[in-house]
Protein backbone atom coordinates (compact mmCIF):
# COMPACT_ATOMS: atom_id res chain seq x y z
CA MET A 1 0.05 0.04 -0.05
CA GLU A 2 0.87 3.51 -0.37
CA TYR A 3 0.67 6.18 1.93
CA LEU A 4 0.66 10.21 2.27
CA VAL A 5 2.17 11.68 5.42
CA THR A 6 2.15 14.72 6.30
CA MET A 7 5.02 15.10 8.53
CA THR A 8 5.71 18.54 10.83
CA THR A 9 9.02 19.14 12.92
CA HIS A 10 9.00 20.82 15.90
CA VAL A 11 12.44 21.46 17.65
CA PRO A 12 12.34 21.80 20.90
CA ASP A 13 13.20 25.32 22.63
CA GLY A 14 17.10 25.93 23.27
CA THR A 15 18.27 22.70 21.04
CA SER A 16 21.97 23.59 19.53
CA ASP A 17 22.60 24.46 16.53
CA ASP A 18 25.33 21.33 16.18
CA ALA A 19 22.25 19.13 17.67
CA VAL A 20 20.10 20.26 14.95
CA ALA A 21 22.54 19.79 12.21
CA ASP A 22 22.94 16.47 13.49
CA MET A 23 19.77 15.06 13.74
CA ARG A 24 19.03 16.39 9.91
CA ALA A 25 22.22 14.63 8.98
CA ARG A 26 20.88 11.48 10.58
CA GLU A 27 17.51 12.01 9.17
CA ALA A 28 19.03 12.32 5.74
CA GLU A 29 21.11 9.06 5.83
CA HIS A 30 18.17 7.19 7.25
CA SER A 31 15.80 8.69 4.46
CA ARG A 32 18.32 7.06 1.95
CA GLN A 33 18.11 3.44 3.37
CA LEU A 34 14.44 3.81 3.24
CA ALA A 35 14.32 4.61 0.06
CA ALA A 36 16.73 1.47 -1.03
CA GLN A 37 14.26 -0.39 1.01
CA GLY A 38 11.72 0.88 -1.03
CA HIS A 39 9.76 2.25 1.47
CA LEU A 40 9.88 5.88 0.99
CA LEU A 41 9.15 6.54 -2.37
CA ARG A 42 9.17 10.27 -3.09
CA LEU A 43 9.47 13.75 -0.37
CA TRP A 44 8.35 17.04 -1.35
CA ARG A 45 8.05 20.49 0.49
CA PRO A 46 4.78 22.56 0.46
CA PRO A 47 4.48 26.22 1.09
CA LEU A 48 6.11 27.16 4.53
CA GLN A 49 5.77 29.92 6.96
CA PRO A 50 9.20 31.41 8.17
CA GLY A 51 10.16 28.51 10.43
CA GLU A 52 8.03 25.85 10.07
CA TRP A 53 9.63 22.01 9.65
CA ARG A 54 6.86 20.49 7.29
CA SER A 55 7.95 17.52 4.57
CA LEU A 56 5.10 15.82 2.43
CA GLY A 57 6.34 12.04 1.99
CA LEU A 58 5.25 9.49 -0.25
CA PHE A 59 5.79 5.84 1.60
CA ALA A 60 4.78 2.36 0.68
CA ALA A 61 4.37 -0.36 3.36
CA ASP A 62 1.98 -3.61 3.68
CA ASP A 63 0.09 -2.59 5.84
CA ALA A 64 -0.64 0.76 8.68
CA GLY A 65 1.87 -1.43 11.35
CA GLN A 66 4.73 -1.54 9.43
CA LEU A 67 4.33 1.73 8.33
CA GLU A 68 4.58 3.15 11.81
CA ASP A 69 7.53 1.06 12.43
CA VAL A 70 8.99 2.80 8.97
CA LEU A 71 7.86 6.24 10.37
CA ALA A 72 9.46 5.56 14.01
CA SER A 73 12.46 4.30 12.78
CA MET A 74 13.24 7.98 12.03
CA PRO A 75 15.54 9.53 13.52
CA LEU A 76 13.03 13.49 13.63
CA ARG A 77 10.27 11.18 14.80
CA VAL A 78 11.06 12.44 18.19
CA TRP A 79 10.76 16.10 17.20
CA ARG A 80 7.98 15.30 14.95
CA SER A 81 4.40 14.44 14.24
CA ASP A 82 2.41 12.88 11.45
CA ASP A 83 -0.41 12.86 9.65
CA VAL A 84 -1.24 9.55 7.33
CA THR A 85 -3.44 9.65 4.28
CA PRO A 86 -3.83 5.97 3.43
CA LEU A 87 -4.22 5.50 -0.62
CA ALA A 88 -5.43 3.19 -3.03
CA PRO A 89 -5.33 2.31 -6.63
CA HIS A 90 -7.71 5.11 -9.08
CA PRO A 91 -8.40 3.97 -12.13
CA ASN A 92 -6.88 6.40 -14.00
CA ASP A 93 -3.52 6.25 -12.66
CA PRO A 94 -1.01 6.55 -15.18
CA ALA A 95 1.22 4.74 -12.57
CA ASN A 96 4.93 5.40 -11.85
CA GLN A 97 6.90 7.46 -14.68
CA ALA A 98 10.40 8.15 -14.68
CA GLY A 99 12.44 11.69 -14.20
CA HIS A 100 10.32 14.88 -13.81
CA SER A 101 11.46 18.51 -14.97
CA LEU A 102 8.48 20.37 -14.23
CA PRO A 103 7.27 21.81 -10.52
CA GLU A 104 5.29 19.55 -9.22
CA PHE A 105 1.61 20.22 -7.35
CA LEU A 106 -0.57 17.54 -5.30
CA THR A 107 -4.01 17.84 -6.38
CA ALA A 108 -7.21 16.71 -3.97
CA PHE A 109 -10.31 16.79 -5.35
CA SER A 110 -13.82 15.71 -3.70
CA THR A 111 -16.48 14.89 -5.92
CA GLU A 112 -19.95 15.74 -5.64
CA ILE A 113 -22.51 14.84 -8.07
CA PRO A 114 -25.93 17.40 -8.14
CA PRO A 115 -28.50 15.45 -6.91
CA GLY A 116 -30.79 14.39 -9.21
CA THR A 117 -28.24 13.78 -12.20
CA PRO A 118 -29.12 10.86 -14.30
CA ARG A 119 -26.82 7.75 -14.10
CA ALA A 120 -25.87 8.11 -17.70
CA ALA A 121 -25.03 11.48 -18.00
CA VAL A 122 -22.48 10.62 -14.70
CA GLU A 123 -21.10 7.30 -16.82
CA GLU A 124 -20.51 10.16 -19.84
CA VAL A 125 -18.64 12.23 -17.79
CA GLU A 126 -16.21 9.92 -16.03
CA ALA A 127 -15.45 8.32 -19.31
CA ARG A 128 -14.64 12.09 -20.53
CA GLU A 129 -12.35 12.18 -17.62
CA ALA A 130 -11.00 8.80 -18.20
CA ALA A 131 -9.79 9.97 -21.46
CA SER A 132 -8.46 13.32 -20.54
CA ALA A 133 -6.61 11.49 -17.66
CA ARG A 134 -4.79 9.70 -20.52
CA GLU A 135 -4.69 12.48 -22.24
CA LEU A 136 -2.66 14.60 -19.54
CA ALA A 137 -0.79 11.27 -18.50
CA ALA A 138 0.91 10.87 -21.81
CA LYS A 139 1.59 14.68 -22.38
CA GLY A 140 3.36 14.49 -18.82
CA ASN A 141 0.98 16.10 -16.84
CA LEU A 142 -0.42 13.83 -14.69
CA ARG A 143 2.29 11.48 -12.96
CA ARG A 144 -0.29 9.78 -10.34
CA LEU A 145 -3.54 9.06 -9.35
CA TRP A 146 -4.40 7.76 -5.66
CA ALA A 147 -8.52 7.14 -4.19
CA MET A 148 -8.15 8.67 -0.82
CA PRO A 149 -10.53 7.47 2.07
CA GLY A 150 -13.95 9.16 1.67
CA GLU A 151 -16.55 8.80 -1.36
CA ARG A 152 -15.07 10.22 -4.58
CA HIS A 153 -11.69 11.85 -2.94
CA VAL A 154 -8.85 11.77 -4.96
CA LEU A 155 -5.58 12.80 -4.75
CA GLY A 156 -3.00 13.59 -7.99
CA LEU A 157 0.50 14.26 -8.65
CA TRP A 158 0.83 16.65 -11.51
CA GLN A 159 3.57 18.63 -12.89
CA ALA A 160 3.25 21.79 -14.87
CA ALA A 161 4.87 24.80 -16.17
CA ASP A 162 3.56 27.09 -13.10
CA GLY A 163 0.42 27.57 -10.78
CA ALA A 164 -1.40 29.13 -13.79
CA GLU A 165 -1.05 25.98 -15.92
CA MET A 166 -1.97 23.93 -13.06
CA GLN A 167 -5.22 26.02 -12.66
CA ALA A 168 -5.47 25.58 -16.14
CA ILE A 169 -5.35 21.77 -16.50
CA VAL A 170 -7.52 21.56 -13.30
CA THR A 171 -10.20 23.68 -15.10
CA SER A 172 -10.00 21.48 -17.97
CA LEU A 173 -11.16 18.47 -16.73
CA PRO A 174 -14.39 17.07 -17.34
CA LEU A 175 -15.23 16.69 -13.42
CA ASP A 176 -14.34 19.76 -12.93
CA ALA A 177 -17.80 21.50 -12.18
CA TRP A 178 -18.57 18.85 -9.79
CA MET A 179 -15.32 19.21 -8.08
CA THR A 180 -13.59 21.38 -4.99
CA THR A 181 -10.09 21.17 -5.79
CA GLU A 182 -7.27 21.90 -3.46
CA ILE A 183 -3.95 22.47 -5.63
CA THR A 184 -0.67 22.30 -3.14
CA PRO A 185 2.51 23.54 -5.08
CA LEU A 186 5.59 21.59 -4.06
CA THR A 187 9.45 22.44 -4.24
CA GLU A 188 12.23 19.91 -3.63
CA HIS A 189 13.59 18.38 -0.36
CA PRO A 190 16.89 17.48 0.14
CA SER A 191 16.18 13.42 0.83
CA ASP A 192 13.68 13.05 -2.07
CA PRO A 193 14.22 9.23 -3.31
CA ALA A 194 13.60 10.66 -6.56
CA ILE A 195 16.67 13.45 -6.36
CA LEU A 196 18.91 11.36 -4.82
CA ALA A 197 18.27 8.45 -7.48
CA SER A 198 19.24 11.11 -10.74
CA ALA A 199 22.36 12.78 -9.00
CA GLY A 200 23.82 9.08 -8.39
């Protein structure tokens, strides 16, 4: 299974700069080990406030128990709280694609079909949505799709030239009129396995 983990770190007051640097170095080394084991798939930084430490991680584990063991093994866990979202396969997921060159974005979609909409109309829009997902994956914009807990909640990983293009992509989706969308711009994380793999 795959999991999205929001990791928020609070460094205790009075912690020396040397202790912080040592902890970060140990965390980076352990992240490389987890990537080599296949548990840590990606790491990103969402927009941050001054002084805030927060990362988004895509992890793989057999189940929630194994994931907890993986997260507990990370050195920064002593200063960190984790918010875990289990992810399930999505029928429009283009699966893993190698490489990325444009800025990345996470989208959280929540779809609500208007009451009284005929089933045939829903199926027609969903078919167009699937076709659009295939087309956007072929263009390299859509990287991954997952189903999140709750009915019709979807997480997407995308790449686009900038936020304006990402917004235009979302607006172009056939389901857009029925969706509430949250777009999170992502920046590189120094321990991201994708960066480490390309550098190696």
